[in-house]
PDB file of N, CA and C in Angstrom:
ATOM      1  N   MET A   1      19.813 108.558 128.467  1.00  0.00           N
ATOM      2  CA  MET A   1      20.977 109.260 128.022  1.00  0.00           C
ATOM      3  C   MET A   1      21.245 110.447 128.913  1.00  0.00           C
ATOM      4  N   SER A   2      22.467 110.550 129.214  1.00  0.00           N
ATOM      5  CA  SER A   2      22.818 111.642 130.100  1.00  0.00           C
ATOM      6  C   SER A   2      23.399 112.798 129.306  1.00  0.00           C
ATOM      7  N   ASP A   3      23.259 113.923 129.845  1.00  0.00           N
ATOM      8  CA  ASP A   3      23.787 115.126 129.188  1.00  0.00           C
ATOM      9  C   ASP A   3      25.135 115.505 129.780  1.00  0.00           C
ATOM     10  N   PHE A   4      25.843 114.538 130.299  1.00  0.00           N
ATOM     11  CA  PHE A   4      27.116 114.795 130.954  1.00  0.00           C
ATOM     12  C   PHE A   4      28.202 115.000 129.910  1.00  0.00           C
ATOM     13  N   LYS A   5      28.827 116.164 129.954  1.00  0.00           N
ATOM     14  CA  LYS A   5      29.957 116.460 129.081  1.00  0.00           C
ATOM     15  C   LYS A   5      31.151 116.788 129.966  1.00  0.00           C
ATOM     16  N   PRO A   6      32.195 115.996 129.845  1.00  0.00           N
ATOM     17  CA  PRO A   6      33.349 116.275 130.697  1.00  0.00           C
ATOM     18  C   PRO A   6      33.979 117.616 130.330  1.00  0.00           C
ATOM     19  N   GLU A   7      34.317 118.343 131.360  1.00  0.00           N
ATOM     20  CA  GLU A   7      34.963 119.632 131.122  1.00  0.00           C
ATOM     21  C   GLU A   7      36.432 119.394 130.816  1.00  0.00           C
ATOM     22  N   GLU A   8      36.921 120.174 129.931  1.00  0.00           N
ATOM     23  CA  GLU A   8      38.340 120.054 129.587  1.00  0.00           C
ATOM     24  C   GLU A   8      39.161 120.695 130.690  1.00  0.00           C
ATOM     25  N   SER A   9      40.054 119.943 131.232  1.00  0.00           N
ATOM     26  CA  SER A   9      40.890 120.475 132.307  1.00  0.00           C
ATOM     27  C   SER A   9      42.190 121.026 131.738  1.00  0.00           C
ATOM     28  N   ALA A  10      42.852 121.785 132.533  1.00  0.00           N
ATOM     29  CA  ALA A  10      44.124 122.387 132.102  1.00  0.00           C
ATOM     30  C   ALA A  10      45.200 121.320 131.921  1.00  0.00           C
ATOM     31  N   GLU A  11      45.089 120.196 132.669  1.00  0.00           N
ATOM     32  CA  GLU A  11      46.100 119.158 132.566  1.00  0.00           C
ATOM     33  C   GLU A  11      45.965 118.348 131.280  1.00  0.00           C
ATOM     34  N   SER A  12      44.760 118.184 130.767  1.00  0.00           N
ATOM     35  CA  SER A  12      44.568 117.349 129.595  1.00  0.00           C
ATOM     36  C   SER A  12      45.116 117.995 128.338  1.00  0.00           C
ATOM     37  N   LYS A  13      44.980 119.301 128.188  1.00  0.00           N
ATOM     38  CA  LYS A  13      45.521 119.997 127.016  1.00  0.00           C
ATOM     39  C   LYS A  13      46.381 121.154 127.490  1.00  0.00           C
ATOM     40  N   PRO A  14      47.682 121.083 127.218  1.00  0.00           N
ATOM     41  CA  PRO A  14      48.525 122.189 127.643  1.00  0.00           C
ATOM     42  C   PRO A  14      48.233 123.436 126.815  1.00  0.00           C
ATOM     43  N   PRO A  15      48.383 124.577 127.389  1.00  0.00           N
ATOM     44  CA  PRO A  15      48.148 125.807 126.632  1.00  0.00           C
ATOM     45  C   PRO A  15      49.179 125.957 125.515  1.00  0.00           C
ATOM     46  N   THR A  16      48.853 126.738 124.548  1.00  0.00           N
ATOM     47  CA  THR A  16      49.699 126.929 123.376  1.00  0.00           C
ATOM     48  C   THR A  16      51.055 127.515 123.755  1.00  0.00           C
ATOM     49  N   ALA A  17      51.100 128.377 124.718  1.00  0.00           N
ATOM     50  CA  ALA A  17      52.354 129.015 125.107  1.00  0.00           C
ATOM     51  C   ALA A  17      53.365 127.978 125.619  1.00  0.00           C
ATOM     52  N   SER A  18      52.924 127.027 126.455  1.00  0.00           N
ATOM     53  CA  SER A  18      53.868 126.038 126.971  1.00  0.00           C
ATOM     54  C   SER A  18      54.302 125.075 125.872  1.00  0.00           C
ATOM     55  N   ARG A  19      53.438 124.810 124.917  1.00  0.00           N
ATOM     56  CA  ARG A  19      53.828 123.970 123.772  1.00  0.00           C
ATOM     57  C   ARG A  19      54.929 124.636 122.979  1.00  0.00           C
ATOM     58  N   GLU A  20      54.774 125.915 122.746  1.00  0.00           N
ATOM     59  CA  GLU A  20      55.790 126.651 121.990  1.00  0.00           C
ATOM     60  C   GLU A  20      57.116 126.663 122.750  1.00  0.00           C
ATOM     61  N   GLU A  21      57.050 126.821 124.067  1.00  0.00           N
ATOM     62  CA  GLU A  21      58.275 126.813 124.870  1.00  0.00           C
ATOM     63  C   GLU A  21      58.965 125.457 124.809  1.00  0.00           C
ATOM     64  N   ARG A  22      58.182 124.405 124.927  1.00  0.00           N
ATOM     65  CA  ARG A  22      58.773 123.062 124.834  1.00  0.00           C
ATOM     66  C   ARG A  22      59.363 122.829 123.459  1.00  0.00           C
ATOM     67  N   PHE A  23      58.680 123.291 122.421  1.00  0.00           N
ATOM     68  CA  PHE A  23      59.174 123.127 121.052  1.00  0.00           C
ATOM     69  C   PHE A  23      60.485 123.895 120.873  1.00  0.00           C
ATOM     70  N   LYS A  24      60.565 125.114 121.408  1.00  0.00           N
ATOM     71  CA  LYS A  24      61.799 125.899 121.323  1.00  0.00           C
ATOM     72  C   LYS A  24      62.932 125.203 122.087  1.00  0.00           C
ATOM     73  N   ALA A  25      62.592 124.623 123.237  1.00  0.00           N
ATOM     74  CA  ALA A  25      63.607 123.907 124.019  1.00  0.00           C
ATOM     75  C   ALA A  25      64.109 122.691 123.255  1.00  0.00           C
ATOM     76  N   LEU A  26      63.192 121.971 122.608  1.00  0.00           N
ATOM     77  CA  LEU A  26      63.597 120.814 121.809  1.00  0.00           C
ATOM     78  C   LEU A  26      64.472 121.241 120.636  1.00  0.00           C
ATOM     79  N   ARG A  27      64.102 122.332 119.988  1.00  0.00           N
ATOM     80  CA  ARG A  27      64.910 122.850 118.872  1.00  0.00           C
ATOM     81  C   ARG A  27      66.316 123.227 119.350  1.00  0.00           C
ATOM     82  N   ALA A  28      66.384 123.883 120.501  1.00  0.00           N
ATOM     83  CA  ALA A  28      67.686 124.284 121.036  1.00  0.00           C
ATOM     84  C   ALA A  28      68.530 123.053 121.377  1.00  0.00           C
ATOM     85  N   ARG A  29      67.882 122.040 121.946  1.00  0.00           N
ATOM     86  CA  ARG A  29      68.589 120.803 122.282  1.00  0.00           C
ATOM     87  C   ARG A  29      69.094 120.111 121.014  1.00  0.00           C
ATOM     88  N   HIS A  30      68.252 120.093 119.990  1.00  0.00           N
ATOM     89  CA  HIS A  30      68.642 119.498 118.711  1.00  0.00           C
ATOM     90  C   HIS A  30      69.824 120.244 118.107  1.00  0.00           C
ATOM     91  N   ALA A  31      69.781 121.570 118.141  1.00  0.00           N
ATOM     92  CA  ALA A  31      70.868 122.372 117.580  1.00  0.00           C
ATOM     93  C   ALA A  31      72.171 122.124 118.345  1.00  0.00           C
ATOM     94  N   ALA A  32      72.075 122.029 119.665  1.00  0.00           N
ATOM     95  CA  ALA A  32      73.267 121.800 120.473  1.00  0.00           C
ATOM     96  C   ALA A  32      73.868 120.423 120.186  1.00  0.00           C
ATOM     97  N   SER A  33      73.020 119.415 120.069  1.00  0.00           N
ATOM     98  CA  SER A  33      73.542 118.074 119.794  1.00  0.00           C
ATOM     99  C   SER A  33      74.111 117.992 118.386  1.00  0.00           C
ATOM    100  N   ALA A  34      73.503 118.677 117.430  1.00  0.00           N
ATOM    101  CA  ALA A  34      74.039 118.692 116.066  1.00  0.00           C
ATOM    102  C   ALA A  34      75.407 119.363 116.036  1.00  0.00           C
ATOM    103  N   LYS A  35      75.543 120.450 116.807  1.00  0.00           N
ATOM    104  CA  LYS A  35      76.828 121.152 116.860  1.00  0.00           C
ATOM    105  C   LYS A  35      77.898 120.271 117.506  1.00  0.00           C
ATOM    106  N   ALA A  36      77.541 119.592 118.599  1.00  0.00           N
ATOM    107  CA  ALA A  36      78.486 118.702 119.265  1.00  0.00           C
ATOM    108  C   ALA A  36      78.871 117.534 118.356  1.00  0.00           C
ATOM    109  N   ASN A  37      77.907 116.991 117.632  1.00  0.00           N
ATOM    110  CA  ASN A  37      78.172 115.893 116.708  1.00  0.00           C
ATOM    111  C   ASN A  37      79.122 116.342 115.606  1.00  0.00           C
ATOM    112  N   HIS A  38      78.884 117.543 115.078  1.00  0.00           N
ATOM    113  CA  HIS A  38      79.738 118.074 114.029  1.00  0.00           C
ATOM    114  C   HIS A  38      81.171 118.231 114.536  1.00  0.00           C
ATOM    115  N   ALA A  39      81.314 118.752 115.753  1.00  0.00           N
ATOM    116  CA  ALA A  39      82.650 118.922 116.325  1.00  0.00           C
ATOM    117  C   ALA A  39      83.337 117.571 116.492  1.00  0.00           C
ATOM    118  N   GLU A  40      82.605 116.552 116.911  1.00  0.00           N
ATOM    119  CA  GLU A  40      83.183 115.214 117.082  1.00  0.00           C
ATOM    120  C   GLU A  40      83.593 114.618 115.736  1.00  0.00           C
ATOM    121  N   VAL A  41      82.799 114.844 114.705  1.00  0.00           N
ATOM    122  CA  VAL A  41      83.141 114.347 113.366  1.00  0.00           C
ATOM    123  C   VAL A  41      84.433 114.996 112.881  1.00  0.00           C
ATOM    124  N   ILE A  42      84.568 116.295 113.106  1.00  0.00           N
ATOM    125  CA  ILE A  42      85.785 117.001 112.696  1.00  0.00           C
ATOM    126  C   ILE A  42      86.994 116.448 113.456  1.00  0.00           C
ATOM    127  N   ALA A  43      86.840 116.237 114.756  1.00  0.00           N
ATOM    128  CA  ALA A  43      87.949 115.698 115.557  1.00  0.00           C
ATOM    129  C   ALA A  43      88.334 114.296 115.088  1.00  0.00           C
ATOM    130  N   GLU A  44      87.337 113.470 114.783  1.00  0.00           N
ATOM    131  CA  GLU A  44      87.624 112.115 114.306  1.00  0.00           C
ATOM    132  C   GLU A  44      88.334 112.164 112.957  1.00  0.00           C
ATOM    133  N   HIS A  45      87.918 113.084 112.104  1.00  0.00           N
ATOM    134  CA  HIS A  45      88.561 113.229 110.797  1.00  0.00           C
ATOM    135  C   HIS A  45      90.033 113.608 110.971  1.00  0.00           C
ATOM    136  N   ARG A  46      90.298 114.512 111.910  1.00  0.00           N
ATOM    137  CA  ARG A  46      91.689 114.898 112.173  1.00  0.00           C
ATOM    138  C   ARG A  46      92.501 113.702 112.661  1.00  0.00           C
ATOM    139  N   ARG A  47      91.895 112.906 113.561  1.00  0.00           N
ATOM    140  CA  ARG A  47      92.607 111.733 114.081  1.00  0.00           C
ATOM    141  C   ARG A  47      92.893 110.732 112.967  1.00  0.00           C
ATOM    142  N   MET A  48      91.951 110.569 112.046  1.00  0.00           N
ATOM    143  CA  MET A  48      92.135 109.595 110.970  1.00  0.00           C
ATOM    144  C   MET A  48      93.175 110.065 109.957  1.00  0.00           C
ATOM    145  N   LYS A  49      93.368 111.383 109.827  1.00  0.00           N
ATOM    146  CA  LYS A  49      94.347 111.892 108.881  1.00  0.00           C
ATOM    147  C   LYS A  49      95.775 111.620 109.344  1.00  0.00           C
ATOM    148  N   LEU A  50      95.976 111.477 110.653  1.00  0.00           N
ATOM    149  CA  LEU A  50      97.314 111.222 111.170  1.00  0.00           C
ATOM    150  C   LEU A  50      97.731 109.797 110.836  1.00  0.00           C
ATOM    151  N   ASP A  51      98.934 109.663 110.349  1.00  0.00           N
ATOM    152  CA  ASP A  51      99.460 108.361 109.973  1.00  0.00           C
ATOM    153  C   ASP A  51      99.977 107.642 111.218  1.00  0.00           C
ATOM    154  N   PRO A  52      99.420 106.463 111.542  1.00  0.00           N
ATOM    155  CA  PRO A  52      99.881 105.757 112.737  1.00  0.00           C
ATOM    156  C   PRO A  52     101.361 105.383 112.670  1.00  0.00           C
ATOM    157  N   ALA A  53     101.852 105.073 111.493  1.00  0.00           N
ATOM    158  CA  ALA A  53     103.265 104.720 111.356  1.00  0.00           C
ATOM    159  C   ALA A  53     104.143 105.932 111.681  1.00  0.00           C
ATOM    160  N   LEU A  54     103.702 107.108 111.241  1.00  0.00           N
ATOM    161  CA  LEU A  54     104.456 108.326 111.523  1.00  0.00           C
ATOM    162  C   LEU A  54     104.454 108.614 113.023  1.00  0.00           C
ATOM    163  N   LEU A  55     103.301 108.425 113.668  1.00  0.00           N
ATOM    164  CA  LEU A  55     103.229 108.638 115.111  1.00  0.00           C
ATOM    165  C   LEU A  55     104.152 107.669 115.853  1.00  0.00           C
ATOM    166  N   ALA A  56     104.172 106.419 115.421  1.00  0.00           N
ATOM    167  CA  ALA A  56     105.047 105.428 116.055  1.00  0.00           C
ATOM    168  C   ALA A  56     106.513 105.813 115.856  1.00  0.00           C
ATOM    169  N   LYS A  57     106.833 106.292 114.668  1.00  0.00           N
ATOM    170  CA  LYS A  57     108.202 106.696 114.380  1.00  0.00           C
ATOM    171  C   LYS A  57     108.612 107.867 115.272  1.00  0.00           C
ATOM    172  N   LEU A  58     107.714 108.845 115.420  1.00  0.00           N
ATOM    173  CA  LEU A  58     108.012 109.992 116.265  1.00  0.00           C
ATOM    174  C   LEU A  58     108.171 109.578 117.732  1.00  0.00           C
ATOM    175  N   ASP A  59     107.315 108.675 118.189  1.00  0.00           N
ATOM    176  CA  ASP A  59     107.426 108.183 119.563  1.00  0.00           C
ATOM    177  C   ASP A  59     108.753 107.462 119.790  1.00  0.00           C
ATOM    178  N   ARG A  60     109.146 106.654 118.798  1.00  0.00           N
ATOM    179  CA  ARG A  60     110.404 105.919 118.901  1.00  0.00           C
ATOM    180  C   ARG A  60     111.586 106.890 118.951  1.00  0.00           C
ATOM    181  N   LYS A  61     111.558 107.920 118.093  1.00  0.00           N
ATOM    182  CA  LYS A  61     112.647 108.894 118.080  1.00  0.00           C
ATOM    183  C   LYS A  61     112.698 109.665 119.395  1.00  0.00           C
ATOM    184  N   LYS A  62     111.529 109.964 119.946  1.00  0.00           N
ATOM    185  CA  LYS A  62     111.480 110.679 121.223  1.00  0.00           C
ATOM    186  C   LYS A  62     112.103 109.823 122.323  1.00  0.00           C
ATOM    187  N   ALA A  63     111.748 108.530 122.344  1.00  0.00           N
ATOM    188  CA  ALA A  63     112.296 107.631 123.358  1.00  0.00           C
ATOM    189  C   ALA A  63     113.814 107.515 123.207  1.00  0.00           C
ATOM    190  N   GLU A  64     114.286 107.410 121.971  1.00  0.00           N
ATOM    191  CA  GLU A  64     115.738 107.323 121.743  1.00  0.00           C
ATOM    192  C   GLU A  64     116.439 108.592 122.195  1.00  0.00           C
ATOM    193  N   ALA A  65     115.825 109.742 121.931  1.00  0.00           N
ATOM    194  CA  ALA A  65     116.427 111.009 122.354  1.00  0.00           C
ATOM    195  C   ALA A  65     116.465 111.116 123.873  1.00  0.00           C
ATOM    196  N   GLU A  66     115.419 110.638 124.547  1.00  0.00           N
ATOM    197  CA  GLU A  66     115.411 110.669 126.013  1.00  0.00           C
ATOM    198  C   GLU A  66     116.511 109.773 126.579  1.00  0.00           C
ATOM    199  N   ILE A  67     116.727 108.614 125.949  1.00  0.00           N
ATOM    200  CA  ILE A  67     117.787 107.707 126.403  1.00  0.00           C
ATOM    201  C   ILE A  67     119.160 108.351 126.196  1.00  0.00           C
ATOM    202  N   LYS A  68     119.350 108.963 125.033  1.00  0.00           N
ATOM    203  CA  LYS A  68     120.635 109.625 124.769  1.00  0.00           C
ATOM    204  C   LYS A  68     120.881 110.743 125.778  1.00  0.00           C
ATOM    205  N   LEU A  69     119.832 111.504 126.065  1.00  0.00           N
ATOM    206  CA  LEU A  69     119.968 112.593 127.027  1.00  0.00           C
ATOM    207  C   LEU A  69     120.284 112.055 128.423  1.00  0.00           C
ATOM    208  N   ALA A  70     119.634 110.983 128.812  1.00  0.00           N
ATOM    209  CA  ALA A  70     119.900 110.384 130.125  1.00  0.00           C
ATOM    210  C   ALA A  70     121.325 109.848 130.191  1.00  0.00           C
ATOM    211  N   LYS A  71     121.797 109.231 129.100  1.00  0.00           N
ATOM    212  CA  LYS A  71     123.177 108.730 129.061  1.00  0.00           C
ATOM    213  C   LYS A  71     124.165 109.883 129.184  1.00  0.00           C
ATOM    214  N   GLN A  72     123.878 110.968 128.458  1.00  0.00           N
ATOM    215  CA  GLN A  72     124.760 112.128 128.494  1.00  0.00           C
ATOM    216  C   GLN A  72     124.777 112.758 129.887  1.00  0.00           C
ATOM    217  N   ASP A  73     123.596 112.863 130.513  1.00  0.00           N
ATOM    218  CA  ASP A  73     123.527 113.418 131.866  1.00  0.00           C
ATOM    219  C   ASP A  73     124.297 112.546 132.856  1.00  0.00           C
ATOM    220  N   ALA A  74     124.163 111.228 132.733  1.00  0.00           N
ATOM    221  CA  ALA A  74     124.883 110.315 133.621  1.00  0.00           C
ATOM    222  C   ALA A  74     126.382 110.434 133.408  1.00  0.00           C
ATOM    223  N   GLU A  75     126.796 110.560 132.150  1.00  0.00           N
ATOM    224  CA  GLU A  75     128.220 110.688 131.841  1.00  0.00           C
ATOM    225  C   GLU A  75     128.771 111.998 132.393  1.00  0.00           C
ATOM    226  N   ASP A  76     128.017 113.079 132.251  1.00  0.00           N
ATOM    227  CA  ASP A  76     128.450 114.377 132.770  1.00  0.00           C
ATOM    228  C   ASP A  76     128.566 114.360 134.293  1.00  0.00           C
ATOM    229  N   ALA A  77     127.677 113.606 134.938  1.00  0.00           N
ATOM    230  CA  ALA A  77     127.710 113.519 136.399  1.00  0.00           C
ATOM    231  C   ALA A  77     128.742 112.501 136.886  1.00  0.00           C
ATOM    232  N   GLY A  78     129.332 111.739 135.965  1.00  0.00           N
ATOM    233  CA  GLY A  78     130.335 110.748 136.335  1.00  0.00           C
ATOM    234  C   GLY A  78     129.725 109.435 136.802  1.00  0.00           C
ATOM    235  N   ASP A  79     128.469 109.197 136.461  1.00  0.00           N
ATOM    236  CA  ASP A  79     127.777 107.966 136.854  1.00  0.00           C
ATOM    237  C   ASP A  79     127.759 106.974 135.699  1.00  0.00           C
ATOM    238  N   ASP A  80     127.490 105.713 136.046  1.00  0.00           N
ATOM    239  CA  ASP A  80     127.332 104.664 135.046  1.00  0.00           C
ATOM    240  C   ASP A  80     125.849 104.569 134.692  1.00  0.00           C
ATOM    241  N   TYR A  81     125.513 104.828 133.441  1.00  0.00           N
ATOM    242  CA  TYR A  81     124.108 104.855 133.022  1.00  0.00           C
ATOM    243  C   TYR A  81     123.435 103.498 133.211  1.00  0.00           C
ATOM    244  N   GLU A  82     124.096 102.431 132.798  1.00  0.00           N
ATOM    245  CA  GLU A  82     123.501 101.094 132.902  1.00  0.00           C
ATOM    246  C   GLU A  82     123.240 100.723 134.362  1.00  0.00           C
ATOM    247  N   ARG A  83     124.129 101.128 135.237  1.00  0.00           N
ATOM    248  CA  ARG A  83     123.947 100.839 136.658  1.00  0.00           C
ATOM    249  C   ARG A  83     122.741 101.612 137.211  1.00  0.00           C
ATOM    250  N   LYS A  84     122.629 102.886 136.830  1.00  0.00           N
ATOM    251  CA  LYS A  84     121.480 103.686 137.284  1.00  0.00           C
ATOM    252  C   LYS A  84     120.174 103.121 136.740  1.00  0.00           C
ATOM    253  N   ARG A  85     120.225 102.658 135.504  1.00  0.00           N
ATOM    254  CA  ARG A  85     119.015 102.098 134.885  1.00  0.00           C
ATOM    255  C   ARG A  85     118.596 100.804 135.578  1.00  0.00           C
ATOM    256  N   ALA A  86     119.565 100.037 136.056  1.00  0.00           N
ATOM    257  CA  ALA A  86     119.277  98.766 136.722  1.00  0.00           C
ATOM    258  C   ALA A  86     118.570  98.985 138.062  1.00  0.00           C
ATOM    259  N   TRP A  87     118.644 100.190 138.625  1.00  0.00           N
ATOM    260  CA  TRP A  87     117.979 100.477 139.889  1.00  0.00           C
ATOM    261  C   TRP A  87     116.465 100.447 139.749  1.00  0.00           C
ATOM    262  N   ASP A  88     115.958 100.523 138.522  1.00  0.00           N
ATOM    263  CA  ASP A  88     114.510 100.558 138.302  1.00  0.00           C
ATOM    264  C   ASP A  88     113.849  99.193 138.457  1.00  0.00           C
ATOM    265  N   TRP A  89     114.628  98.110 138.487  1.00  0.00           N
ATOM    266  CA  TRP A  89     114.059  96.767 138.557  1.00  0.00           C
ATOM    267  C   TRP A  89     114.418  96.095 139.880  1.00  0.00           C
ATOM    268  N   THR A  90     113.513  95.223 140.315  1.00  0.00           N
ATOM    269  CA  THR A  90     113.772  94.453 141.528  1.00  0.00           C
ATOM    270  C   THR A  90     114.606  93.227 141.171  1.00  0.00           C
ATOM    271  N   ILE A  91     115.077  92.532 142.182  1.00  0.00           N
ATOM    272  CA  ILE A  91     115.877  91.328 141.960  1.00  0.00           C
ATOM    273  C   ILE A  91     115.030  90.259 141.260  1.00  0.00           C
ATOM    274  N   GLU A  92     113.778  90.117 141.715  1.00  0.00           N
ATOM    275  CA  GLU A  92     112.888  89.109 141.115  1.00  0.00           C
ATOM    276  C   GLU A  92     112.656  89.393 139.638  1.00  0.00           C
ATOM    277  N   GLU A  93     112.433  90.666 139.307  1.00  0.00           N
ATOM    278  CA  GLU A  93     112.223  91.017 137.899  1.00  0.00           C
ATOM    279  C   GLU A  93     113.477  90.739 137.084  1.00  0.00           C
ATOM    280  N   SER A  94     114.613  91.038 137.642  1.00  0.00           N
ATOM    281  CA  SER A  94     115.872  90.791 136.945  1.00  0.00           C
ATOM    282  C   SER A  94     116.086  89.300 136.708  1.00  0.00           C
ATOM    283  N   LEU A  95     115.797  88.486 137.736  1.00  0.00           N
ATOM    284  CA  LEU A  95     115.960  87.036 137.581  1.00  0.00           C
ATOM    285  C   LEU A  95     114.994  86.488 136.534  1.00  0.00           C
ATOM    286  N   ARG A  96     113.741  86.957 136.572  1.00  0.00           N
ATOM    287  CA  ARG A  96     112.765  86.510 135.561  1.00  0.00           C
ATOM    288  C   ARG A  96     113.222  86.894 134.158  1.00  0.00           C
ATOM    289  N   TRP A  97     113.785  88.092 134.015  1.00  0.00           N
ATOM    290  CA  TRP A  97     114.265  88.545 132.715  1.00  0.00           C
ATOM    291  C   TRP A  97     115.417  87.665 132.236  1.00  0.00           C
ATOM    292  N   ASP A  98     116.335  87.339 133.144  1.00  0.00           N
ATOM    293  CA  ASP A  98     117.460  86.479 132.772  1.00  0.00           C
ATOM    294  C   ASP A  98     116.977  85.092 132.346  1.00  0.00           C
ATOM    295  N   GLU A  99     115.998  84.547 133.087  1.00  0.00           N
ATOM    296  CA  GLU A  99     115.439  83.239 132.721  1.00  0.00           C
ATOM    297  C   GLU A  99     114.774  83.294 131.351  1.00  0.00           C
ATOM    298  N   ARG A 100     114.075  84.366 131.107  1.00  0.00           N
ATOM    299  CA  ARG A 100     113.379  84.511 129.813  1.00  0.00           C
ATOM    300  C   ARG A 100     114.386  84.583 128.664  1.00  0.00           C
ATOM    301  N   ARG A 101     115.456  85.349 128.861  1.00  0.00           N
ATOM    302  CA  ARG A 101     116.479  85.444 127.816  1.00  0.00           C
ATOM    303  C   ARG A 101     117.161  84.108 127.590  1.00  0.00           C
ATOM    304  N   ALA A 102     117.409  83.360 128.670  1.00  0.00           N
ATOM    305  CA  ALA A 102     118.035  82.037 128.535  1.00  0.00           C
ATOM    306  C   ALA A 102     117.107  81.088 127.785  1.00  0.00           C
ATOM    307  N   GLN A 103     115.808  81.148 128.082  1.00  0.00           N
ATOM    308  CA  GLN A 103     114.830  80.296 127.390  1.00  0.00           C
ATOM    309  C   GLN A 103     114.766  80.648 125.901  1.00  0.00           C
ATOM    310  N   LYS A 104     114.794  81.920 125.596  1.00  0.00           N
ATOM    311  CA  LYS A 104     114.782  82.328 124.186  1.00  0.00           C
ATOM    312  C   LYS A 104     116.022  81.826 123.455  1.00  0.00           C
ATOM    313  N   GLN A 105     117.170  81.905 124.119  1.00  0.00           N
ATOM    314  CA  GLN A 105     118.398  81.431 123.499  1.00  0.00           C
ATOM    315  C   GLN A 105     118.341  79.924 123.272  1.00  0.00           C
ATOM    316  N   GLN A 106     117.782  79.180 124.231  1.00  0.00           N
ATOM    317  CA  GLN A 106     117.631  77.733 124.054  1.00  0.00           C
ATOM    318  C   GLN A 106     116.710  77.438 122.871  1.00  0.00           C
ATOM    319  N   ASN A 107     115.633  78.182 122.752  1.00  0.00           N
ATOM    320  CA  ASN A 107     114.709  77.976 121.631  1.00  0.00           C
ATOM    321  C   ASN A 107     115.395  78.269 120.301  1.00  0.00           C
ATOM    322  N   ARG A 108     116.228  79.312 120.275  1.00  0.00           N
ATOM    323  CA  ARG A 108     116.956  79.631 119.049  1.00  0.00           C
ATOM    324  C   ARG A 108     117.928  78.506 118.696  1.00  0.00           C
ATOM    325  N   ASP A 109     118.589  77.963 119.705  1.00  0.00           N
ATOM    326  CA  ASP A 109     119.558  76.887 119.472  1.00  0.00           C
ATOM    327  C   ASP A 109     118.870  75.619 118.965  1.00  0.00           C
ATOM    328  N   LYS A 110     117.656  75.339 119.453  1.00  0.00           N
ATOM    329  CA  LYS A 110     116.925  74.125 119.052  1.00  0.00           C
ATOM    330  C   LYS A 110     116.282  74.255 117.683  1.00  0.00           C
ATOM    331  N   ALA A 111     116.052  75.467 117.216  1.00  0.00           N
ATOM    332  CA  ALA A 111     115.269  75.669 116.010  1.00  0.00           C
ATOM    333  C   ALA A 111     116.066  75.525 114.723  1.00  0.00           C
ATOM    334  N   GLY A 112     117.311  75.131 114.793  1.00  0.00           N
ATOM    335  CA  GLY A 112     118.118  75.019 113.589  1.00  0.00           C
ATOM    336  C   GLY A 112     117.669  73.887 112.685  1.00  0.00           C
ATOM    337  N   PHE A 113     117.672  74.129 111.373  1.00  0.00           N
ATOM    338  CA  PHE A 113     117.263  73.111 110.415  1.00  0.00           C
ATOM    339  C   PHE A 113     118.435  72.672 109.534  1.00  0.00           C
ATOM    340  N   ALA A 114     119.464  73.447 109.495  1.00  0.00           N
ATOM    341  CA  ALA A 114     120.591  73.127 108.620  1.00  0.00           C
ATOM    342  C   ALA A 114     121.284  71.861 109.100  1.00  0.00           C
ATOM    343  N   GLY A 115     121.522  70.942 108.172  1.00  0.00           N
ATOM    344  CA  GLY A 115     122.245  69.722 108.482  1.00  0.00           C
ATOM    345  C   GLY A 115     121.388  68.621 109.074  1.00  0.00           C
ATOM    346  N   THR A 116     120.112  68.821 109.230  1.00  0.00           N
ATOM    347  CA  THR A 116     119.260  67.770 109.789  1.00  0.00           C
ATOM    348  C   THR A 116     118.651  66.973 108.653  1.00  0.00           C
ATOM    349  N   ARG A 117     118.412  65.705 108.903  1.00  0.00           N
ATOM    350  CA  ARG A 117     117.801  64.818 107.910  1.00  0.00           C
ATOM    351  C   ARG A 117     116.481  64.327 108.463  1.00  0.00           C
ATOM    352  N   THR A 118     115.558  64.026 107.585  1.00  0.00           N
ATOM    353  CA  THR A 118     114.272  63.503 108.038  1.00  0.00           C
ATOM    354  C   THR A 118     114.418  62.037 108.394  1.00  0.00           C
ATOM    355  N   ALA A 119     113.536  61.554 109.250  1.00  0.00           N
ATOM    356  CA  ALA A 119     113.615  60.170 109.726  1.00  0.00           C
ATOM    357  C   ALA A 119     113.185  59.182 108.649  1.00  0.00           C
ATOM    358  N   HIS A 120     112.213  59.533 107.845  1.00  0.00           N
ATOM    359  CA  HIS A 120     111.677  58.602 106.850  1.00  0.00           C
ATOM    360  C   HIS A 120     112.163  59.022 105.473  1.00  0.00           C
ATOM    361  N   PRO A 121     112.651  58.101 104.655  1.00  0.00           N
ATOM    362  CA  PRO A 121     113.198  58.464 103.330  1.00  0.00           C
ATOM    363  C   PRO A 121     112.148  59.069 102.403  1.00  0.00           C
ATOM    364  N   SER A 122     110.901  58.676 102.530  1.00  0.00           N
ATOM    365  CA  SER A 122     109.887  59.229 101.622  1.00  0.00           C
ATOM    366  C   SER A 122     109.610  60.700 101.933  1.00  0.00           C
ATOM    367  N   LEU A 123     110.016  61.180 103.085  1.00  0.00           N
ATOM    368  CA  LEU A 123     109.806  62.575 103.465  1.00  0.00           C
ATOM    369  C   LEU A 123     110.987  63.454 103.084  1.00  0.00           C
ATOM    370  N   SER A 124     112.033  62.864 102.545  1.00  0.00           N
ATOM    371  CA  SER A 124     113.220  63.597 102.207  1.00  0.00           C
ATOM    372  C   SER A 124     112.958  64.532 101.022  1.00  0.00           C
ATOM    373  N   LEU A 125     113.525  65.702 101.063  1.00  0.00           N
ATOM    374  CA  LEU A 125     113.358  66.652  99.972  1.00  0.00           C
ATOM    375  C   LEU A 125     114.190  66.283  98.754  1.00  0.00           C
ATOM    376  N   TYR A 126     115.272  65.547  98.978  1.00  0.00           N
ATOM    377  CA  TYR A 126     116.210  65.253  97.911  1.00  0.00           C
ATOM    378  C   TYR A 126     116.037  63.861  97.320  1.00  0.00           C
ATOM    379  N   GLY A 127     115.124  63.097  97.824  1.00  0.00           N
ATOM    380  CA  GLY A 127     114.883  61.770  97.280  1.00  0.00           C
ATOM    381  C   GLY A 127     115.924  60.752  97.656  1.00  0.00           C
ATOM    382  N   ASN A 128     116.761  61.020  98.616  1.00  0.00           N
ATOM    383  CA  ASN A 128     117.811  60.072  99.034  1.00  0.00           C
ATOM    384  C   ASN A 128     117.255  59.036  99.933  1.00  0.00           C
TER     385      ASN A 128
END
């Protein structure tokens, strides 16, 4: 049996002072994160209190007011508002838009049900 006893080194057990400093740093970090979390909860609560429908309504009214103002400015300057607005689109975009509107109109024309009869008599709503 040996009488060898390992000496305790400074690295194996930190002194009490550094433990207290680390503990204070952890406490400060915890307090800071709790404060930040609380602030985020309050901000989220404020966001949830706002009515999305009301926000959409306000946005829509703002857009309408901007359009009215632009129309009025164009009229005061002696310009055609629709012509100025058309400058924002390219020819390709305009053609695609026209095609899309024509396709929608065709779909509306095809979707009519009034006056149509079913092919098979057993499928008729009126029993004819």
